[in-house]
């Protein structure tokens, strides 16, 4: 009985702590990875970045203030809510280890 209660409590805490995966994650994951660890050279890692920084960057790409064509195209169809969800998702992930030199 105790183990069942502990397991249930753990699952409940994990479920509350982990944000739901954003519906538009695939759009970003293609280059930045679903886990925020980019696998394409030159593409920045997003995992563990500051949430407000990520949200501001998304808005800047969408408005054209940051002039990167692929990002402007990617952010074009995103709503404010979707951008908030994406920023929250990537900010909540464990940061990437620094690159080895």
PDB file of N, CA and C in Angstrom:
ATOM      1  N   UNK A   1       0.830  -1.200   0.000  1.00  0.00           N
ATOM      2  CA  UNK A   1       0.000   0.000   0.000  1.00  0.00           C
ATOM      3  C   UNK A   1       0.863   1.248   0.000  1.00  0.00           C
ATOM      4  N   UNK A   2       1.916   1.265   0.860  1.00  0.00           N
ATOM      5  CA  UNK A   2       2.783   2.439   0.918  1.00  0.00           C
ATOM      6  C   UNK A   2       3.467   2.696  -0.412  1.00  0.00           C
ATOM      7  N   UNK A   3       3.931   1.620  -1.045  1.00  0.00           N
ATOM      8  CA  UNK A   3       4.624   1.775  -2.324  1.00  0.00           C
ATOM      9  C   UNK A   3       3.674   2.335  -3.369  1.00  0.00           C
ATOM     10  N   UNK A   4       2.434   1.867  -3.379  1.00  0.00           N
ATOM     11  CA  UNK A   4       1.450   2.374  -4.340  1.00  0.00           C
ATOM     12  C   UNK A   4       1.212   3.862  -4.141  1.00  0.00           C
ATOM     13  N   UNK A   5       1.095   4.278  -2.899  1.00  0.00           N
ATOM     14  CA  UNK A   5       0.868   5.696  -2.604  1.00  0.00           C
ATOM     15  C   UNK A   5       2.079   6.537  -3.004  1.00  0.00           C
ATOM     16  N   UNK A   6       3.257   6.033  -2.703  1.00  0.00           N
ATOM     17  CA  UNK A   6       4.472   6.771  -3.079  1.00  0.00           C
ATOM     18  C   UNK A   6       4.602   6.868  -4.587  1.00  0.00           C
ATOM     19  N   UNK A   7       4.321   5.780  -5.272  1.00  0.00           N
ATOM     20  CA  UNK A   7       4.392   5.784  -6.732  1.00  0.00           C
ATOM     21  C   UNK A   7       3.377   6.754  -7.306  1.00  0.00           C
ATOM     22  N   UNK A   8       2.188   6.739  -6.797  1.00  0.00           N
ATOM     23  CA  UNK A   8       1.144   7.648  -7.257  1.00  0.00           C
ATOM     24  C   UNK A   8       1.545   9.099  -7.002  1.00  0.00           C
ATOM     25  N   UNK A   9       2.110   9.377  -5.841  1.00  0.00           N
ATOM     26  CA  UNK A   9       2.556  10.739  -5.522  1.00  0.00           C
ATOM     27  C   UNK A   9       3.673  11.169  -6.457  1.00  0.00           C
ATOM     28  N   UNK A  10       4.611  10.267  -6.742  1.00  0.00           N
ATOM     29  CA  UNK A  10       5.708  10.590  -7.647  1.00  0.00           C
ATOM     30  C   UNK A  10       5.181  10.909  -9.040  1.00  0.00           C
ATOM     31  N   UNK A  11       4.301  10.063  -9.551  1.00  0.00           N
ATOM     32  CA  UNK A  11       3.733  10.273 -10.883  1.00  0.00           C
ATOM     33  C   UNK A  11       2.964  11.592 -10.931  1.00  0.00           C
ATOM     34  N   UNK A  12       2.207  11.888  -9.892  1.00  0.00           N
ATOM     35  CA  UNK A  12       1.445  13.140  -9.850  1.00  0.00           C
ATOM     36  C   UNK A  12       2.377  14.338  -9.845  1.00  0.00           C
ATOM     37  N   UNK A  13       3.444  14.289  -9.065  1.00  0.00           N
ATOM     38  CA  UNK A  13       4.397  15.402  -9.023  1.00  0.00           C
ATOM     39  C   UNK A  13       5.100  15.568 -10.352  1.00  0.00           C
ATOM     40  N   UNK A  14       5.527  14.458 -10.964  1.00  0.00           N
ATOM     41  CA  UNK A  14       6.206  14.534 -12.253  1.00  0.00           C
ATOM     42  C   UNK A  14       5.278  15.107 -13.307  1.00  0.00           C
ATOM     43  N   UNK A  15       4.034  14.674 -13.311  1.00  0.00           N
ATOM     44  CA  UNK A  15       3.067  15.151 -14.285  1.00  0.00           C
ATOM     45  C   UNK A  15       2.825  16.644 -14.120  1.00  0.00           C
ATOM     46  N   UNK A  16       2.762  17.112 -12.883  1.00  0.00           N
ATOM     47  CA  UNK A  16       2.554  18.536 -12.652  1.00  0.00           C
ATOM     48  C   UNK A  16       3.797  19.342 -13.005  1.00  0.00           C
ATOM     49  N   UNK A  17       4.983  18.775 -12.794  1.00  0.00           N
ATOM     50  CA  UNK A  17       6.225  19.501 -13.034  1.00  0.00           C
ATOM     51  C   UNK A  17       6.558  19.584 -14.516  1.00  0.00           C
ATOM     52  N   UNK A  18       6.252  18.550 -15.263  1.00  0.00           N
ATOM     53  CA  UNK A  18       6.601  18.525 -16.682  1.00  0.00           C
ATOM     54  C   UNK A  18       5.515  19.233 -17.480  1.00  0.00           C
ATOM     55  N   UNK A  19       5.892  20.270 -18.239  1.00  0.00           N
ATOM     56  CA  UNK A  19       4.876  20.944 -19.038  1.00  0.00           C
ATOM     57  C   UNK A  19       4.431  20.038 -20.182  1.00  0.00           C
ATOM     58  N   UNK A  20       3.215  20.227 -20.653  1.00  0.00           N
ATOM     59  CA  UNK A  20       2.767  19.424 -21.783  1.00  0.00           C
ATOM     60  C   UNK A  20       3.565  19.784 -23.031  1.00  0.00           C
ATOM     61  N   UNK A  21       3.815  18.795 -23.856  1.00  0.00           N
ATOM     62  CA  UNK A  21       4.567  19.038 -25.079  1.00  0.00           C
ATOM     63  C   UNK A  21       3.739  19.931 -26.002  1.00  0.00           C
ATOM     64  N   UNK A  22       4.304  21.034 -26.468  1.00  0.00           N
ATOM     65  CA  UNK A  22       3.551  21.945 -27.336  1.00  0.00           C
ATOM     66  C   UNK A  22       3.156  21.285 -28.655  1.00  0.00           C
ATOM     67  N   UNK A  23       1.989  21.624 -29.147  1.00  0.00           N
ATOM     68  CA  UNK A  23       1.492  21.058 -30.400  1.00  0.00           C
ATOM     69  C   UNK A  23       2.400  21.415 -31.570  1.00  0.00           C
ATOM     70  N   UNK A  24       3.013  22.588 -31.542  1.00  0.00           N
ATOM     71  CA  UNK A  24       3.868  23.038 -32.648  1.00  0.00           C
ATOM     72  C   UNK A  24       5.341  22.696 -32.449  1.00  0.00           C
ATOM     73  N   UNK A  25       5.645  21.813 -31.524  1.00  0.00           N
ATOM     74  CA  UNK A  25       7.030  21.484 -31.225  1.00  0.00           C
ATOM     75  C   UNK A  25       7.782  20.965 -32.439  1.00  0.00           C
ATOM     76  N   UNK A  26       7.125  20.183 -33.277  1.00  0.00           N
ATOM     77  CA  UNK A  26       7.776  19.616 -34.466  1.00  0.00           C
ATOM     78  C   UNK A  26       8.384  20.672 -35.351  1.00  0.00           C
ATOM     79  N   UNK A  27       7.756  21.822 -35.402  1.00  0.00           N
ATOM     80  CA  UNK A  27       8.250  22.941 -36.194  1.00  0.00           C
ATOM     81  C   UNK A  27       9.652  23.340 -35.737  1.00  0.00           C
ATOM     82  N   UNK A  28       9.858  23.403 -34.436  1.00  0.00           N
ATOM     83  CA  UNK A  28      11.156  23.799 -33.869  1.00  0.00           C
ATOM     84  C   UNK A  28      12.114  22.618 -33.789  1.00  0.00           C
ATOM     85  N   UNK A  29      11.554  21.457 -33.455  1.00  0.00           N
ATOM     86  CA  UNK A  29      12.364  20.267 -33.227  1.00  0.00           C
ATOM     87  C   UNK A  29      13.129  19.838 -34.470  1.00  0.00           C
ATOM     88  N   UNK A  30      12.631  20.187 -35.637  1.00  0.00           N
ATOM     89  CA  UNK A  30      13.312  19.813 -36.868  1.00  0.00           C
ATOM     90  C   UNK A  30      14.761  20.298 -36.876  1.00  0.00           C
ATOM     91  N   UNK A  31      15.016  21.453 -36.299  1.00  0.00           N
ATOM     92  CA  UNK A  31      16.379  22.001 -36.256  1.00  0.00           C
ATOM     93  C   UNK A  31      16.967  22.022 -34.844  1.00  0.00           C
ATOM     94  N   UNK A  32      16.138  22.372 -33.860  1.00  0.00           N
ATOM     95  CA  UNK A  32      16.622  22.553 -32.486  1.00  0.00           C
ATOM     96  C   UNK A  32      16.491  21.299 -31.625  1.00  0.00           C
ATOM     97  N   UNK A  33      15.825  20.253 -32.137  1.00  0.00           N
ATOM     98  CA  UNK A  33      15.613  19.027 -31.375  1.00  0.00           C
ATOM     99  C   UNK A  33      14.463  19.185 -30.394  1.00  0.00           C
ATOM    100  N   UNK A  34      13.680  18.134 -30.209  1.00  0.00           N
ATOM    101  CA  UNK A  34      12.569  18.176 -29.255  1.00  0.00           C
ATOM    102  C   UNK A  34      13.087  18.356 -27.839  1.00  0.00           C
ATOM    103  N   UNK A  35      14.318  17.904 -27.602  1.00  0.00           N
ATOM    104  CA  UNK A  35      14.930  18.037 -26.278  1.00  0.00           C
ATOM    105  C   UNK A  35      15.754  19.314 -26.151  1.00  0.00           C
ATOM    106  N   UNK A  36      15.719  20.158 -27.190  1.00  0.00           N
ATOM    107  CA  UNK A  36      16.440  21.428 -27.150  1.00  0.00           C
ATOM    108  C   UNK A  36      17.918  21.321 -27.449  1.00  0.00           C
ATOM    109  N   UNK A  37      18.370  20.128 -27.799  1.00  0.00           N
ATOM    110  CA  UNK A  37      19.773  19.895 -28.121  1.00  0.00           C
ATOM    111  C   UNK A  37      19.882  19.820 -29.644  1.00  0.00           C
ATOM    112  N   UNK A  38      20.324  20.907 -30.262  1.00  0.00           N
ATOM    113  CA  UNK A  38      20.411  20.976 -31.716  1.00  0.00           C
ATOM    114  C   UNK A  38      21.417  19.957 -32.235  1.00  0.00           C
ATOM    115  N   UNK A  39      21.069  19.352 -33.340  1.00  0.00           N
ATOM    116  CA  UNK A  39      21.953  18.366 -33.951  1.00  0.00           C
ATOM    117  C   UNK A  39      22.531  18.844 -35.277  1.00  0.00           C
ATOM    118  N   UNK A  40      22.208  20.067 -35.632  1.00  0.00           N
ATOM    119  CA  UNK A  40      22.700  20.656 -36.870  1.00  0.00           C
ATOM    120  C   UNK A  40      23.740  21.718 -36.499  1.00  0.00           C
ATOM    121  N   UNK A  41      24.939  21.624 -37.076  1.00  0.00           N
ATOM    122  CA  UNK A  41      25.976  22.634 -36.761  1.00  0.00           C
ATOM    123  C   UNK A  41      25.474  24.054 -37.028  1.00  0.00           C
ATOM    124  N   UNK A  42      25.758  24.933 -36.089  1.00  0.00           N
ATOM    125  CA  UNK A  42      25.371  26.340 -36.229  1.00  0.00           C
ATOM    126  C   UNK A  42      23.987  26.678 -35.701  1.00  0.00           C
ATOM    127  N   UNK A  43      23.190  25.669 -35.386  1.00  0.00           N
ATOM    128  CA  UNK A  43      21.848  25.899 -34.843  1.00  0.00           C
ATOM    129  C   UNK A  43      21.973  25.927 -33.322  1.00  0.00           C
ATOM    130  N   UNK A  44      21.447  26.968 -32.678  1.00  0.00           N
ATOM    131  CA  UNK A  44      21.601  27.065 -31.223  1.00  0.00           C
ATOM    132  C   UNK A  44      20.771  26.048 -30.439  1.00  0.00           C
ATOM    133  N   UNK A  45      21.321  25.632 -29.305  1.00  0.00           N
ATOM    134  CA  UNK A  45      20.590  24.801 -28.350  1.00  0.00           C
ATOM    135  C   UNK A  45      19.595  25.692 -27.606  1.00  0.00           C
ATOM    136  N   UNK A  46      18.403  25.197 -27.383  1.00  0.00           N
ATOM    137  CA  UNK A  46      17.378  25.985 -26.692  1.00  0.00           C
ATOM    138  C   UNK A  46      17.104  25.486 -25.274  1.00  0.00           C
ATOM    139  N   UNK A  47      17.467  24.253 -24.978  1.00  0.00           N
ATOM    140  CA  UNK A  47      17.183  23.674 -23.666  1.00  0.00           C
ATOM    141  C   UNK A  47      17.818  24.484 -22.550  1.00  0.00           C
ATOM    142  N   UNK A  48      17.007  24.800 -21.542  1.00  0.00           N
ATOM    143  CA  UNK A  48      17.501  25.500 -20.362  1.00  0.00           C
ATOM    144  C   UNK A  48      17.704  26.992 -20.531  1.00  0.00           C
ATOM    145  N   UNK A  49      17.365  27.530 -21.687  1.00  0.00           N
ATOM    146  CA  UNK A  49      17.485  28.975 -21.886  1.00  0.00           C
ATOM    147  C   UNK A  49      16.409  29.686 -21.067  1.00  0.00           C
ATOM    148  N   UNK A  50      16.642  30.943 -20.795  1.00  0.00           N
ATOM    149  CA  UNK A  50      15.678  31.759 -20.060  1.00  0.00           C
ATOM    150  C   UNK A  50      14.377  31.863 -20.854  1.00  0.00           C
ATOM    151  N   UNK A  51      13.265  31.590 -20.193  1.00  0.00           N
ATOM    152  CA  UNK A  51      11.963  31.575 -20.873  1.00  0.00           C
ATOM    153  C   UNK A  51      11.622  32.917 -21.518  1.00  0.00           C
ATOM    154  N   UNK A  52      11.839  34.008 -20.805  1.00  0.00           N
ATOM    155  CA  UNK A  52      11.504  35.320 -21.366  1.00  0.00           C
ATOM    156  C   UNK A  52      12.395  35.645 -22.554  1.00  0.00           C
ATOM    157  N   UNK A  53      13.655  35.261 -22.484  1.00  0.00           N
ATOM    158  CA  UNK A  53      14.577  35.461 -23.610  1.00  0.00           C
ATOM    159  C   UNK A  53      14.063  34.721 -24.846  1.00  0.00           C
ATOM    160  N   UNK A  54      13.659  33.459 -24.665  1.00  0.00           N
ATOM    161  CA  UNK A  54      13.151  32.676 -25.788  1.00  0.00           C
ATOM    162  C   UNK A  54      11.889  33.297 -26.370  1.00  0.00           C
ATOM    163  N   UNK A  55      10.986  33.732 -25.501  1.00  0.00           N
ATOM    164  CA  UNK A  55       9.743  34.342 -25.965  1.00  0.00           C
ATOM    165  C   UNK A  55      10.025  35.644 -26.715  1.00  0.00           C
ATOM    166  N   UNK A  56      10.907  36.465 -26.168  1.00  0.00           N
ATOM    167  CA  UNK A  56      11.282  37.713 -26.850  1.00  0.00           C
ATOM    168  C   UNK A  56      11.901  37.426 -28.212  1.00  0.00           C
ATOM    169  N   UNK A  57      12.751  36.391 -28.272  1.00  0.00           N
ATOM    170  CA  UNK A  57      13.389  36.029 -29.539  1.00  0.00           C
ATOM    171  C   UNK A  57      12.346  35.587 -30.564  1.00  0.00           C
ATOM    172  N   UNK A  58      11.384  34.780 -30.132  1.00  0.00           N
ATOM    173  CA  UNK A  58      10.333  34.339 -31.048  1.00  0.00           C
ATOM    174  C   UNK A  58       9.549  35.526 -31.602  1.00  0.00           C
ATOM    175  N   UNK A  59       9.217  36.462 -30.739  1.00  0.00           N
ATOM    176  CA  UNK A  59       8.492  37.663 -31.195  1.00  0.00           C
ATOM    177  C   UNK A  59       9.354  38.475 -32.154  1.00  0.00           C
ATOM    178  N   UNK A  60      10.639  38.586 -31.870  1.00  0.00           N
ATOM    179  CA  UNK A  60      11.539  39.351 -32.739  1.00  0.00           C
ATOM    180  C   UNK A  60      11.680  38.688 -34.111  1.00  0.00           C
ATOM    181  N   UNK A  61      11.746  37.361 -34.139  1.00  0.00           N
ATOM    182  CA  UNK A  61      11.805  36.669 -35.430  1.00  0.00           C
ATOM    183  C   UNK A  61      10.519  36.875 -36.206  1.00  0.00           C
ATOM    184  N   UNK A  62       9.404  36.760 -35.518  1.00  0.00           N
ATOM    185  CA  UNK A  62       8.102  36.893 -36.191  1.00  0.00           C
ATOM    186  C   UNK A  62       7.911  38.300 -36.758  1.00  0.00           C
ATOM    187  N   UNK A  63       8.330  39.315 -36.005  1.00  0.00           N
ATOM    188  CA  UNK A  63       8.143  40.694 -36.461  1.00  0.00           C
ATOM    189  C   UNK A  63       9.178  41.115 -37.502  1.00  0.00           C
ATOM    190  N   UNK A  64      10.258  40.356 -37.608  1.00  0.00           N
ATOM    191  CA  UNK A  64      11.324  40.725 -38.534  1.00  0.00           C
ATOM    192  C   UNK A  64      12.421  41.548 -37.878  1.00  0.00           C
ATOM    193  N   UNK A  65      12.261  41.873 -36.574  1.00  0.00           N
ATOM    194  CA  UNK A  65      13.298  42.630 -35.867  1.00  0.00           C
ATOM    195  C   UNK A  65      14.607  41.845 -35.853  1.00  0.00           C
ATOM    196  N   UNK A  66      14.508  40.535 -35.783  1.00  0.00           N
ATOM    197  CA  UNK A  66      15.654  39.643 -36.009  1.00  0.00           C
ATOM    198  C   UNK A  66      15.444  39.087 -37.400  1.00  0.00           C
ATOM    199  N   UNK A  67      16.291  39.495 -38.319  1.00  0.00           N
ATOM    200  CA  UNK A  67      16.084  39.166 -39.720  1.00  0.00           C
ATOM    201  C   UNK A  67      16.777  37.853 -40.105  1.00  0.00           C
ATOM    202  N   UNK A  68      16.104  36.744 -39.801  1.00  0.00           N
ATOM    203  CA  UNK A  68      16.571  35.415 -40.188  1.00  0.00           C
ATOM    204  C   UNK A  68      15.389  34.768 -40.908  1.00  0.00           C
ATOM    205  N   UNK A  69      15.525  34.622 -42.212  1.00  0.00           N
ATOM    206  CA  UNK A  69      14.400  34.198 -43.050  1.00  0.00           C
ATOM    207  C   UNK A  69      13.758  32.894 -42.578  1.00  0.00           C
ATOM    208  N   UNK A  70      14.560  31.889 -42.283  1.00  0.00           N
ATOM    209  CA  UNK A  70      13.985  30.599 -41.880  1.00  0.00           C
ATOM    210  C   UNK A  70      13.202  30.730 -40.571  1.00  0.00           C
ATOM    211  N   UNK A  71      13.679  31.563 -39.657  1.00  0.00           N
ATOM    212  CA  UNK A  71      12.970  31.739 -38.391  1.00  0.00           C
ATOM    213  C   UNK A  71      11.711  32.593 -38.579  1.00  0.00           C
ATOM    214  N   UNK A  72      11.774  33.554 -39.463  1.00  0.00           N
ATOM    215  CA  UNK A  72      10.573  34.363 -39.734  1.00  0.00           C
ATOM    216  C   UNK A  72       9.480  33.488 -40.337  1.00  0.00           C
ATOM    217  N   UNK A  73       9.879  32.592 -41.220  1.00  0.00           N
ATOM    218  CA  UNK A  73       8.925  31.656 -41.819  1.00  0.00           C
ATOM    219  C   UNK A  73       8.375  30.701 -40.763  1.00  0.00           C
ATOM    220  N   UNK A  74       9.255  30.197 -39.902  1.00  0.00           N
ATOM    221  CA  UNK A  74       8.841  29.234 -38.876  1.00  0.00           C
ATOM    222  C   UNK A  74       7.909  29.857 -37.850  1.00  0.00           C
ATOM    223  N   UNK A  75       8.140  31.105 -37.488  1.00  0.00           N
ATOM    224  CA  UNK A  75       7.319  31.746 -36.465  1.00  0.00           C
ATOM    225  C   UNK A  75       6.057  32.396 -37.028  1.00  0.00           C
ATOM    226  N   UNK A  76       6.002  32.584 -38.323  1.00  0.00           N
ATOM    227  CA  UNK A  76       4.853  33.239 -38.950  1.00  0.00           C
ATOM    228  C   UNK A  76       3.498  32.692 -38.532  1.00  0.00           C
ATOM    229  N   UNK A  77       3.321  31.366 -38.563  1.00  0.00           N
ATOM    230  CA  UNK A  77       1.995  30.830 -38.222  1.00  0.00           C
ATOM    231  C   UNK A  77       1.727  30.675 -36.728  1.00  0.00           C
ATOM    232  N   UNK A  78       2.704  30.981 -35.880  1.00  0.00           N
ATOM    233  CA  UNK A  78       2.537  30.764 -34.439  1.00  0.00           C
ATOM    234  C   UNK A  78       1.712  31.863 -33.778  1.00  0.00           C
ATOM    235  N   UNK A  79       0.805  31.455 -32.915  1.00  0.00           N
ATOM    236  CA  UNK A  79       0.040  32.424 -32.106  1.00  0.00           C
ATOM    237  C   UNK A  79       0.889  32.804 -30.893  1.00  0.00           C
ATOM    238  N   UNK A  80       0.482  33.842 -30.187  1.00  0.00           N
ATOM    239  CA  UNK A  80       1.185  34.234 -28.964  1.00  0.00           C
ATOM    240  C   UNK A  80       1.176  33.097 -27.946  1.00  0.00           C
ATOM    241  N   UNK A  81       0.063  32.404 -27.827  1.00  0.00           N
ATOM    242  CA  UNK A  81      -0.042  31.282 -26.887  1.00  0.00           C
ATOM    243  C   UNK A  81       0.922  30.172 -27.268  1.00  0.00           C
ATOM    244  N   UNK A  82       1.013  29.858 -28.544  1.00  0.00           N
ATOM    245  CA  UNK A  82       1.934  28.812 -28.997  1.00  0.00           C
ATOM    246  C   UNK A  82       3.389  29.210 -28.739  1.00  0.00           C
ATOM    247  N   UNK A  83       3.704  30.474 -28.945  1.00  0.00           N
ATOM    248  CA  UNK A  83       5.069  30.930 -28.671  1.00  0.00           C
ATOM    249  C   UNK A  83       5.375  30.834 -27.174  1.00  0.00           C
ATOM    250  N   UNK A  84       4.396  31.167 -26.338  1.00  0.00           N
ATOM    251  CA  UNK A  84       4.584  31.031 -24.888  1.00  0.00           C
ATOM    252  C   UNK A  84       4.803  29.573 -24.505  1.00  0.00           C
ATOM    253  N   UNK A  85       4.030  28.673 -25.100  1.00  0.00           N
ATOM    254  CA  UNK A  85       4.180  27.249 -24.804  1.00  0.00           C
ATOM    255  C   UNK A  85       5.553  26.738 -25.222  1.00  0.00           C
ATOM    256  N   UNK A  86       6.015  27.148 -26.386  1.00  0.00           N
ATOM    257  CA  UNK A  86       7.328  26.716 -26.872  1.00  0.00           C
ATOM    258  C   UNK A  86       8.451  27.260 -25.987  1.00  0.00           C
ATOM    259  N   UNK A  87       8.359  28.528 -25.631  1.00  0.00           N
ATOM    260  CA  UNK A  87       9.382  29.122 -24.761  1.00  0.00           C
ATOM    261  C   UNK A  87       9.402  28.409 -23.409  1.00  0.00           C
ATOM    262  N   UNK A  88       8.227  28.132 -22.872  1.00  0.00           N
ATOM    263  CA  UNK A  88       8.143  27.439 -21.583  1.00  0.00           C
ATOM    264  C   UNK A  88       8.715  26.024 -21.695  1.00  0.00           C
ATOM    265  N   UNK A  89       8.393  25.329 -22.770  1.00  0.00           N
ATOM    266  CA  UNK A  89       8.877  23.964 -22.979  1.00  0.00           C
ATOM    267  C   UNK A  89      10.405  23.925 -22.976  1.00  0.00           C
ATOM    268  N   UNK A  90      11.012  24.722 -23.843  1.00  0.00           N
ATOM    269  CA  UNK A  90      12.468  24.684 -23.962  1.00  0.00           C
ATOM    270  C   UNK A  90      13.156  25.179 -22.688  1.00  0.00           C
ATOM    271  N   UNK A  91      12.592  26.169 -22.036  1.00  0.00           N
ATOM    272  CA  UNK A  91      13.184  26.678 -20.786  1.00  0.00           C
ATOM    273  C   UNK A  91      13.130  25.629 -19.686  1.00  0.00           C
ATOM    274  N   UNK A  92      12.134  24.759 -19.708  1.00  0.00           N
ATOM    275  CA  UNK A  92      11.971  23.766 -18.645  1.00  0.00           C
ATOM    276  C   UNK A  92      12.887  22.546 -18.816  1.00  0.00           C
ATOM    277  N   UNK A  93      13.511  22.418 -19.965  1.00  0.00           N
ATOM    278  CA  UNK A  93      14.370  21.260 -20.238  1.00  0.00           C
ATOM    279  C   UNK A  93      15.754  21.466 -19.633  1.00  0.00           C
ATOM    280  N   UNK A  94      16.443  20.359 -19.301  1.00  0.00           N
ATOM    281  CA  UNK A  94      17.811  20.484 -18.772  1.00  0.00           C
ATOM    282  C   UNK A  94      18.731  21.126 -19.815  1.00  0.00           C
ATOM    283  N   UNK A  95      19.527  22.072 -19.361  1.00  0.00           N
ATOM    284  CA  UNK A  95      20.450  22.776 -20.256  1.00  0.00           C
ATOM    285  C   UNK A  95      21.446  21.810 -20.877  1.00  0.00           C
ATOM    286  N   UNK A  96      21.912  22.161 -22.042  1.00  0.00           N
ATOM    287  CA  UNK A  96      22.911  21.360 -22.735  1.00  0.00           C
ATOM    288  C   UNK A  96      24.271  21.578 -22.101  1.00  0.00           C
ATOM    289  N   UNK A  97      25.079  20.545 -22.117  1.00  0.00           N
ATOM    290  CA  UNK A  97      26.444  20.661 -21.619  1.00  0.00           C
ATOM    291  C   UNK A  97      27.236  21.567 -22.548  1.00  0.00           C
ATOM    292  N   UNK A  98      28.153  22.360 -21.986  1.00  0.00           N
ATOM    293  CA  UNK A  98      28.972  23.218 -22.859  1.00  0.00           C
ATOM    294  C   UNK A  98      29.753  22.379 -23.878  1.00  0.00           C
ATOM    295  N   UNK A  99      29.947  22.934 -25.053  1.00  0.00           N
ATOM    296  CA  UNK A  99      30.696  22.232 -26.090  1.00  0.00           C
ATOM    297  C   UNK A  99      32.133  22.002 -25.667  1.00  0.00           C
ATOM    298  N   UNK A 100      32.642  20.821 -25.975  1.00  0.00           N
ATOM    299  CA  UNK A 100      34.038  20.518 -25.658  1.00  0.00           C
ATOM    300  C   UNK A 100      34.941  21.114 -26.726  1.00  0.00           C
ATOM    301  N   UNK A 101      36.046  21.667 -26.292  1.00  0.00           N
ATOM    302  CA  UNK A 101      36.974  22.292 -27.245  1.00  0.00           C
ATOM    303  C   UNK A 101      38.273  21.561 -27.269  1.00  0.00           C
TER     304      UNK A 101
END
